[in-house]
Amino acid sequence: MVRELAIDPTDNRAKESFPDILTFFGIELQSHASIILGLAVLVFAIIQAWGQLQSAHLLSQYHDYLFSTLVGILGAGVMYQLLRLYVYGRLTTVLLYGTMSGFNQRKNEEISDFGEDKWNDLLPMRRANDYFSREVKATSHAVKSYRIINAKLKTNYWFISLAFIISFVLSYSALFGINDGYSLSQGSMKVLASVVLSCLFIGSVLIDAWHKLQYDKDEAGSRIAKAS
């Protein structure tokens, strides 16, 4: 239960920073959208160049794995940028369609969790950003349900590694034969590729779990410091 706090109603510095923050969000949206388009063009360019090299019989099986790795990296990059676009889109939505009652509620939660002294020490834009972040974390299913985005509104590593693996396997299967794609776990090189992909995914899951433990530890430490 969030307790009501006596907050100075004339302190509008956080609200006055909204126009500047909206400009920043707009720049971020344009930037990530441009990067997505650039990565998509790069994917098609690599596919076209690879097809010409393959027609000229200048490639070996080792190049096949190199190509799939490049496509996997680009696929993961596109997915990462899409999720950054999603996050800034959600933050912009909160800014454009938020309410004063919602802002005051999230402000009360922040002060209740970490203390009024810490709130007063924050710069106006940081106060506003805390409101946007709390609102997104409370309403976004990508954060609450699917755990694709963590509590810091960063993309979890397990999802990026999964995007890489899917892009890798699909590109290998599409360009070098469905049957060859199905037999990706056969043969010495294919066994090695399967082991590497499995370790990549497991490692990313462990890293995300470690980051969550650290985040929860830091949050608990802040609450203990506030209580004392």
C-alpha atoms as a PDB file:
ATOM      1  CA  MET A   1       0.000   0.000   0.000  1.00  0.00           C
ATOM      2  CA  VAL A   2       1.499   3.349  -1.034  1.00  0.00           C
ATOM      3  CA  ARG A   3       1.193   5.912   1.732  1.00  0.00           C
ATOM      4  CA  GLU A   4       0.207   9.444   0.851  1.00  0.00           C
ATOM      5  CA  LEU A   5       2.978  11.976   1.287  1.00  0.00           C
ATOM      6  CA  ALA A   6       2.935  15.703   1.743  1.00  0.00           C
ATOM      7  CA  ILE A   7       4.434  16.906  -1.536  1.00  0.00           C
ATOM      8  CA  ASP A   8       4.786  20.540  -2.382  1.00  0.00           C
ATOM      9  CA  PRO A   9       2.115  21.105  -5.066  1.00  0.00           C
ATOM     10  CA  THR A  10       3.986  24.147  -6.374  1.00  0.00           C
ATOM     11  CA  ASP A  11       7.067  22.090  -7.309  1.00  0.00           C
ATOM     12  CA  ASN A  12       6.467  21.843 -11.051  1.00  0.00           C
ATOM     13  CA  ARG A  13      10.078  21.502 -12.195  1.00  0.00           C
ATOM     14  CA  ALA A  14       9.625  17.887 -13.321  1.00  0.00           C
ATOM     15  CA  LYS A  15       6.498  18.769 -15.291  1.00  0.00           C
ATOM     16  CA  GLU A  16       8.192  21.739 -16.908  1.00  0.00           C
ATOM     17  CA  SER A  17      10.844  19.405 -18.334  1.00  0.00           C
ATOM     18  CA  PHE A  18       8.214  17.396 -20.281  1.00  0.00           C
ATOM     19  CA  PRO A  19       8.634  19.317 -23.589  1.00  0.00           C
ATOM     20  CA  ASP A  20      12.407  18.750 -23.570  1.00  0.00           C
ATOM     21  CA  ILE A  21      11.921  15.063 -22.788  1.00  0.00           C
ATOM     22  CA  LEU A  22       9.368  14.735 -25.593  1.00  0.00           C
ATOM     23  CA  THR A  23      11.951  16.164 -28.004  1.00  0.00           C
ATOM     24  CA  PHE A  24      14.518  13.652 -26.766  1.00  0.00           C
ATOM     25  CA  PHE A  25      12.089  10.743 -27.168  1.00  0.00           C
ATOM     26  CA  GLY A  26      11.295  11.881 -30.705  1.00  0.00           C
ATOM     27  CA  ILE A  27      14.988  11.948 -31.613  1.00  0.00           C
ATOM     28  CA  GLU A  28      15.464   8.454 -30.169  1.00  0.00           C
ATOM     29  CA  LEU A  29      12.492   7.105 -32.132  1.00  0.00           C
ATOM     30  CA  GLN A  30      13.845   8.531 -35.379  1.00  0.00           C
ATOM     31  CA  SER A  31      17.331   7.237 -34.633  1.00  0.00           C
ATOM     32  CA  HIS A  32      16.257   3.656 -33.925  1.00  0.00           C
ATOM     33  CA  ALA A  33      13.905   3.608 -36.917  1.00  0.00           C
ATOM     34  CA  SER A  34      16.759   4.754 -39.175  1.00  0.00           C
ATOM     35  CA  ILE A  35      19.064   2.063 -37.808  1.00  0.00           C
ATOM     36  CA  ILE A  36      16.415  -0.610 -38.457  1.00  0.00           C
ATOM     37  CA  LEU A  37      16.108   0.496 -42.081  1.00  0.00           C
ATOM     38  CA  GLY A  38      19.889   0.515 -42.443  1.00  0.00           C
ATOM     39  CA  LEU A  39      20.221  -3.006 -41.026  1.00  0.00           C
ATOM     40  CA  ALA A  40      17.443  -4.275 -43.319  1.00  0.00           C
ATOM     41  CA  VAL A  41      19.209  -2.843 -46.368  1.00  0.00           C
ATOM     42  CA  LEU A  42      22.470  -4.401 -45.190  1.00  0.00           C
ATOM     43  CA  VAL A  43      20.824  -7.830 -44.877  1.00  0.00           C
ATOM     44  CA  PHE A  44      19.546  -7.717 -48.460  1.00  0.00           C
ATOM     45  CA  ALA A  45      22.933  -6.475 -49.704  1.00  0.00           C
ATOM     46  CA  ILE A  46      24.734  -9.373 -48.018  1.00  0.00           C
ATOM     47  CA  ILE A  47      22.245 -11.897 -49.402  1.00  0.00           C
ATOM     48  CA  GLN A  48      22.667 -10.531 -52.932  1.00  0.00           C
ATOM     49  CA  ALA A  49      26.466 -10.521 -52.721  1.00  0.00           C
ATOM     50  CA  TRP A  50      26.520 -14.003 -51.226  1.00  0.00           C
ATOM     51  CA  GLY A  51      24.338 -15.358 -54.003  1.00  0.00           C
ATOM     52  CA  GLN A  52      26.698 -13.999 -56.650  1.00  0.00           C
ATOM     53  CA  LEU A  53      29.742 -15.444 -54.882  1.00  0.00           C
ATOM     54  CA  GLN A  54      28.042 -18.791 -54.540  1.00  0.00           C
ATOM     55  CA  SER A  55      27.123 -18.829 -58.253  1.00  0.00           C
ATOM     56  CA  ALA A  56      30.783 -18.213 -59.065  1.00  0.00           C
ATOM     57  CA  HIS A  57      31.753 -21.213 -56.846  1.00  0.00           C
ATOM     58  CA  LEU A  58      33.987 -19.064 -54.677  1.00  0.00           C
ATOM     59  CA  LEU A  59      32.586 -20.263 -51.341  1.00  0.00           C
ATOM     60  CA  SER A  60      33.208 -23.275 -49.126  1.00  0.00           C
ATOM     61  CA  GLN A  61      31.127 -24.807 -46.323  1.00  0.00           C
ATOM     62  CA  TYR A  62      32.977 -22.674 -43.780  1.00  0.00           C
ATOM     63  CA  HIS A  63      31.722 -19.591 -45.588  1.00  0.00           C
ATOM     64  CA  ASP A  64      28.175 -20.901 -45.144  1.00  0.00           C
ATOM     65  CA  TYR A  65      28.552 -20.651 -41.385  1.00  0.00           C
ATOM     66  CA  LEU A  66      30.110 -17.217 -41.729  1.00  0.00           C
ATOM     67  CA  PHE A  67      27.156 -16.010 -43.774  1.00  0.00           C
ATOM     68  CA  SER A  68      24.617 -17.422 -41.323  1.00  0.00           C
ATOM     69  CA  THR A  69      26.524 -15.813 -38.461  1.00  0.00           C
ATOM     70  CA  LEU A  70      26.378 -12.427 -40.200  1.00  0.00           C
ATOM     71  CA  VAL A  71      22.651 -12.810 -40.798  1.00  0.00           C
ATOM     72  CA  GLY A  72      22.205 -13.882 -37.172  1.00  0.00           C
ATOM     73  CA  ILE A  73      24.004 -10.786 -35.914  1.00  0.00           C
ATOM     74  CA  LEU A  74      21.957  -8.524 -38.161  1.00  0.00           C
ATOM     75  CA  GLY A  75      18.729 -10.287 -37.170  1.00  0.00           C
ATOM     76  CA  ALA A  76      19.548  -9.831 -33.487  1.00  0.00           C
ATOM     77  CA  GLY A  77      20.427  -6.197 -34.173  1.00  0.00           C
ATOM     78  CA  VAL A  78      17.110  -5.556 -35.907  1.00  0.00           C
ATOM     79  CA  MET A  79      15.194  -7.163 -33.025  1.00  0.00           C
ATOM     80  CA  TYR A  80      17.139  -5.123 -30.466  1.00  0.00           C
ATOM     81  CA  GLN A  81      16.401  -1.898 -32.324  1.00  0.00           C
ATOM     82  CA  LEU A  82      12.719  -2.826 -32.646  1.00  0.00           C
ATOM     83  CA  LEU A  83      12.499  -3.282 -28.888  1.00  0.00           C
ATOM     84  CA  ARG A  84      14.255   0.036 -28.262  1.00  0.00           C
ATOM     85  CA  LEU A  85      11.722   1.584 -30.627  1.00  0.00           C
ATOM     86  CA  TYR A  86       8.967  -0.085 -28.597  1.00  0.00           C
ATOM     87  CA  VAL A  87      10.334   1.230 -25.286  1.00  0.00           C
ATOM     88  CA  TYR A  88      10.622   4.823 -26.481  1.00  0.00           C
ATOM     89  CA  GLY A  89       7.220   4.532 -28.105  1.00  0.00           C
ATOM     90  CA  ARG A  90       5.729   3.471 -24.777  1.00  0.00           C
ATOM     91  CA  LEU A  91       7.539   6.272 -22.941  1.00  0.00           C
ATOM     92  CA  THR A  92       6.217   8.785 -25.469  1.00  0.00           C
ATOM     93  CA  THR A  93       2.702   7.389 -25.051  1.00  0.00           C
ATOM     94  CA  VAL A  94       2.907   7.922 -21.294  1.00  0.00           C
ATOM     95  CA  LEU A  95       3.991  11.514 -21.875  1.00  0.00           C
ATOM     96  CA  LEU A  96       1.290  12.269 -24.448  1.00  0.00           C
ATOM     97  CA  TYR A  97      -1.613  10.484 -22.751  1.00  0.00           C
ATOM     98  CA  GLY A  98      -0.618  10.590 -19.076  1.00  0.00           C
ATOM     99  CA  THR A  99      -2.591  12.320 -16.332  1.00  0.00           C
ATOM    100  CA  MET A 100      -1.660  14.489 -13.379  1.00  0.00           C
ATOM    101  CA  SER A 101      -3.117  11.906 -11.005  1.00  0.00           C
ATOM    102  CA  GLY A 102      -0.939   9.240 -12.596  1.00  0.00           C
ATOM    103  CA  PHE A 103       2.153  11.416 -12.261  1.00  0.00           C
ATOM    104  CA  ASN A 104       1.426  12.110  -8.595  1.00  0.00           C
ATOM    105  CA  GLN A 105       0.761   8.433  -7.937  1.00  0.00           C
ATOM    106  CA  ARG A 106       4.111   7.336  -9.400  1.00  0.00           C
ATOM    107  CA  LYS A 107       5.833  10.185  -7.568  1.00  0.00           C
ATOM    108  CA  ASN A 108       4.331   8.986  -4.281  1.00  0.00           C
ATOM    109  CA  GLU A 109       5.528   5.460  -5.036  1.00  0.00           C
ATOM    110  CA  GLU A 110       9.071   6.665  -5.698  1.00  0.00           C
ATOM    111  CA  ILE A 111       9.186   8.683  -2.476  1.00  0.00           C
ATOM    112  CA  SER A 112       7.552   5.892  -0.491  1.00  0.00           C
ATOM    113  CA  ASP A 113      10.140   3.397  -1.746  1.00  0.00           C
ATOM    114  CA  PHE A 114      13.319   5.453  -1.483  1.00  0.00           C
ATOM    115  CA  GLY A 115      12.545   8.463   0.683  1.00  0.00           C
ATOM    116  CA  GLU A 116      11.744  12.108   0.159  1.00  0.00           C
ATOM    117  CA  ASP A 117      15.383  13.168   0.540  1.00  0.00           C
ATOM    118  CA  LYS A 118      16.390  11.152  -2.499  1.00  0.00           C
ATOM    119  CA  TRP A 119      13.470  12.549  -4.502  1.00  0.00           C
ATOM    120  CA  ASN A 120      14.445  16.122  -3.605  1.00  0.00           C
ATOM    121  CA  ASP A 121      18.034  15.376  -4.669  1.00  0.00           C
ATOM    122  CA  LEU A 122      16.992  14.297  -8.178  1.00  0.00           C
ATOM    123  CA  LEU A 123      17.197  16.670 -11.126  1.00  0.00           C
ATOM    124  CA  PRO A 124      13.852  17.597 -12.735  1.00  0.00           C
ATOM    125  CA  MET A 125      14.378  15.426 -15.819  1.00  0.00           C
ATOM    126  CA  ARG A 126      15.343  12.455 -13.657  1.00  0.00           C
ATOM    127  CA  ARG A 127      12.113  12.867 -11.669  1.00  0.00           C
ATOM    128  CA  ALA A 128      10.087  12.939 -14.862  1.00  0.00           C
ATOM    129  CA  ASN A 129      11.968   9.941 -16.270  1.00  0.00           C
ATOM    130  CA  ASP A 130      11.259   7.938 -13.108  1.00  0.00           C
ATOM    131  CA  TYR A 131       7.555   8.603 -13.642  1.00  0.00           C
ATOM    132  CA  PHE A 132       7.678   7.447 -17.274  1.00  0.00           C
ATOM    133  CA  SER A 133       9.711   4.352 -16.399  1.00  0.00           C
ATOM    134  CA  ARG A 134       7.431   3.315 -13.552  1.00  0.00           C
ATOM    135  CA  GLU A 135       4.357   3.777 -15.724  1.00  0.00           C
ATOM    136  CA  VAL A 136       5.799   1.642 -18.543  1.00  0.00           C
ATOM    137  CA  LYS A 137       6.897  -1.088 -16.134  1.00  0.00           C
ATOM    138  CA  ALA A 138       3.418  -1.143 -14.612  1.00  0.00           C
ATOM    139  CA  THR A 139       1.532  -1.336 -17.923  1.00  0.00           C
ATOM    140  CA  SER A 140       3.779  -3.076 -20.481  1.00  0.00           C
ATOM    141  CA  HIS A 141       3.275  -6.818 -20.955  1.00  0.00           C
ATOM    142  CA  ALA A 142       6.776  -7.037 -22.469  1.00  0.00           C
ATOM    143  CA  VAL A 143       8.065  -6.119 -18.997  1.00  0.00           C
ATOM    144  CA  LYS A 144       5.445  -7.669 -16.697  1.00  0.00           C
ATOM    145  CA  SER A 145       4.488 -10.917 -18.410  1.00  0.00           C
ATOM    146  CA  TYR A 146       7.005 -11.913 -21.057  1.00  0.00           C
ATOM    147  CA  ARG A 147      10.189 -10.612 -19.377  1.00  0.00           C
ATOM    148  CA  ILE A 148      11.555  -9.544 -22.753  1.00  0.00           C
ATOM    149  CA  ILE A 149      12.472  -6.167 -21.254  1.00  0.00           C
ATOM    150  CA  ASN A 150      13.916  -5.944 -17.760  1.00  0.00           C
ATOM    151  CA  ALA A 151      13.201  -3.540 -14.901  1.00  0.00           C
ATOM    152  CA  LYS A 152      15.708  -1.045 -16.284  1.00  0.00           C
ATOM    153  CA  LEU A 153      13.803  -1.039 -19.596  1.00  0.00           C
ATOM    154  CA  LYS A 154      16.712  -2.775 -21.320  1.00  0.00           C
ATOM    155  CA  THR A 155      16.273  -5.777 -23.597  1.00  0.00           C
ATOM    156  CA  ASN A 156      17.085  -9.051 -21.849  1.00  0.00           C
ATOM    157  CA  TYR A 157      20.036 -10.943 -23.310  1.00  0.00           C
ATOM    158  CA  TRP A 158      18.110 -14.199 -23.645  1.00  0.00           C
ATOM    159  CA  PHE A 159      15.773 -12.634 -26.192  1.00  0.00           C
ATOM    160  CA  ILE A 160      18.625 -11.149 -28.241  1.00  0.00           C
ATOM    161  CA  SER A 161      20.446 -14.491 -28.281  1.00  0.00           C
ATOM    162  CA  LEU A 162      17.205 -16.225 -29.288  1.00  0.00           C
ATOM    163  CA  ALA A 163      16.795 -13.772 -32.178  1.00  0.00           C
ATOM    164  CA  PHE A 164      20.376 -14.527 -33.261  1.00  0.00           C
ATOM    165  CA  ILE A 165      19.809 -18.296 -33.116  1.00  0.00           C
ATOM    166  CA  ILE A 166      16.541 -18.142 -35.080  1.00  0.00           C
ATOM    167  CA  SER A 167      18.095 -15.882 -37.731  1.00  0.00           C
ATOM    168  CA  PHE A 168      21.126 -18.155 -37.970  1.00  0.00           C
ATOM    169  CA  VAL A 169      19.103 -21.359 -38.407  1.00  0.00           C
ATOM    170  CA  LEU A 170      16.567 -19.842 -40.806  1.00  0.00           C
ATOM    171  CA  SER A 171      19.236 -18.304 -43.037  1.00  0.00           C
ATOM    172  CA  TYR A 172      21.204 -21.552 -43.116  1.00  0.00           C
ATOM    173  CA  SER A 173      18.100 -23.582 -43.941  1.00  0.00           C
ATOM    174  CA  ALA A 174      16.787 -21.145 -46.553  1.00  0.00           C
ATOM    175  CA  LEU A 175      20.018 -20.692 -48.482  1.00  0.00           C
ATOM    176  CA  PHE A 176      21.690 -24.065 -48.097  1.00  0.00           C
ATOM    177  CA  GLY A 177      18.688 -26.374 -48.190  1.00  0.00           C
ATOM    178  CA  ILE A 178      15.923 -27.319 -45.778  1.00  0.00           C
ATOM    179  CA  ASN A 179      17.347 -30.801 -45.324  1.00  0.00           C
ATOM    180  CA  ASP A 180      20.768 -29.382 -44.536  1.00  0.00           C
ATOM    181  CA  GLY A 181      19.142 -27.040 -42.052  1.00  0.00           C
ATOM    182  CA  TYR A 182      17.355 -29.938 -40.371  1.00  0.00           C
ATOM    183  CA  SER A 183      20.688 -31.772 -40.115  1.00  0.00           C
ATOM    184  CA  LEU A 184      22.408 -28.813 -38.521  1.00  0.00           C
ATOM    185  CA  SER A 185      23.216 -31.025 -35.537  1.00  0.00           C
ATOM    186  CA  GLN A 186      24.965 -33.686 -37.655  1.00  0.00           C
ATOM    187  CA  GLY A 187      28.627 -33.710 -38.646  1.00  0.00           C
ATOM    188  CA  SER A 188      31.562 -32.301 -36.674  1.00  0.00           C
ATOM    189  CA  MET A 189      31.117 -28.672 -37.729  1.00  0.00           C
ATOM    190  CA  LYS A 190      27.361 -28.843 -37.259  1.00  0.00           C
ATOM    191  CA  VAL A 191      27.714 -30.400 -33.811  1.00  0.00           C
ATOM    192  CA  LEU A 192      30.121 -27.602 -32.878  1.00  0.00           C
ATOM    193  CA  ALA A 193      27.674 -24.980 -34.199  1.00  0.00           C
ATOM    194  CA  SER A 194      24.814 -26.528 -32.198  1.00  0.00           C
ATOM    195  CA  VAL A 195      26.916 -26.579 -29.012  1.00  0.00           C
ATOM    196  CA  VAL A 196      27.952 -22.940 -29.492  1.00  0.00           C
ATOM    197  CA  LEU A 197      24.360 -21.814 -30.069  1.00  0.00           C
ATOM    198  CA  SER A 198      23.144 -23.746 -27.023  1.00  0.00           C
ATOM    199  CA  CYS A 199      25.886 -22.269 -24.831  1.00  0.00           C
ATOM    200  CA  LEU A 200      25.073 -18.803 -26.149  1.00  0.00           C
ATOM    201  CA  PHE A 201      21.426 -19.103 -25.113  1.00  0.00           C
ATOM    202  CA  ILE A 202      22.146 -20.693 -21.722  1.00  0.00           C
ATOM    203  CA  GLY A 203      24.822 -18.095 -21.003  1.00  0.00           C
ATOM    204  CA  SER A 204      22.453 -15.249 -21.856  1.00  0.00           C
ATOM    205  CA  VAL A 205      19.802 -16.664 -19.516  1.00  0.00           C
ATOM    206  CA  LEU A 206      22.357 -16.884 -16.690  1.00  0.00           C
ATOM    207  CA  ILE A 207      23.538 -13.310 -17.321  1.00  0.00           C
ATOM    208  CA  ASP A 208      19.936 -12.033 -17.186  1.00  0.00           C
ATOM    209  CA  ALA A 209      19.366 -13.930 -13.930  1.00  0.00           C
ATOM    210  CA  TRP A 210      22.533 -12.406 -12.449  1.00  0.00           C
ATOM    211  CA  HIS A 211      21.507  -8.899 -13.477  1.00  0.00           C
ATOM    212  CA  LYS A 212      18.072  -9.396 -11.918  1.00  0.00           C
ATOM    213  CA  LEU A 213      19.639 -10.555  -8.658  1.00  0.00           C
ATOM    214  CA  GLN A 214      21.901  -7.498  -8.644  1.00  0.00           C
ATOM    215  CA  TYR A 215      18.987  -5.184  -9.401  1.00  0.00           C
ATOM    216  CA  ASP A 216      16.863  -6.701  -6.618  1.00  0.00           C
ATOM    217  CA  LYS A 217      19.828  -6.449  -4.235  1.00  0.00           C
ATOM    218  CA  ASP A 218      20.343  -2.772  -5.061  1.00  0.00           C
ATOM    219  CA  GLU A 219      16.640  -2.054  -4.653  1.00  0.00           C
ATOM    220  CA  ALA A 220      16.554  -3.825  -1.292  1.00  0.00           C
ATOM    221  CA  GLY A 221      19.663  -1.912  -0.181  1.00  0.00           C
ATOM    222  CA  SER A 222      18.048   1.414  -1.086  1.00  0.00           C
ATOM    223  CA  ARG A 223      14.914   0.548   0.870  1.00  0.00           C
ATOM    224  CA  ILE A 224      16.957  -0.522   3.906  1.00  0.00           C
ATOM    225  CA  ALA A 225      18.980   2.700   3.761  1.00  0.00           C
ATOM    226  CA  LYS A 226      15.756   4.699   3.552  1.00  0.00           C
ATOM    227  CA  ALA A 227      14.242   2.849   6.522  1.00  0.00           C
ATOM    228  CA  SER A 228      17.311   3.429   8.670  1.00  0.00           C
END
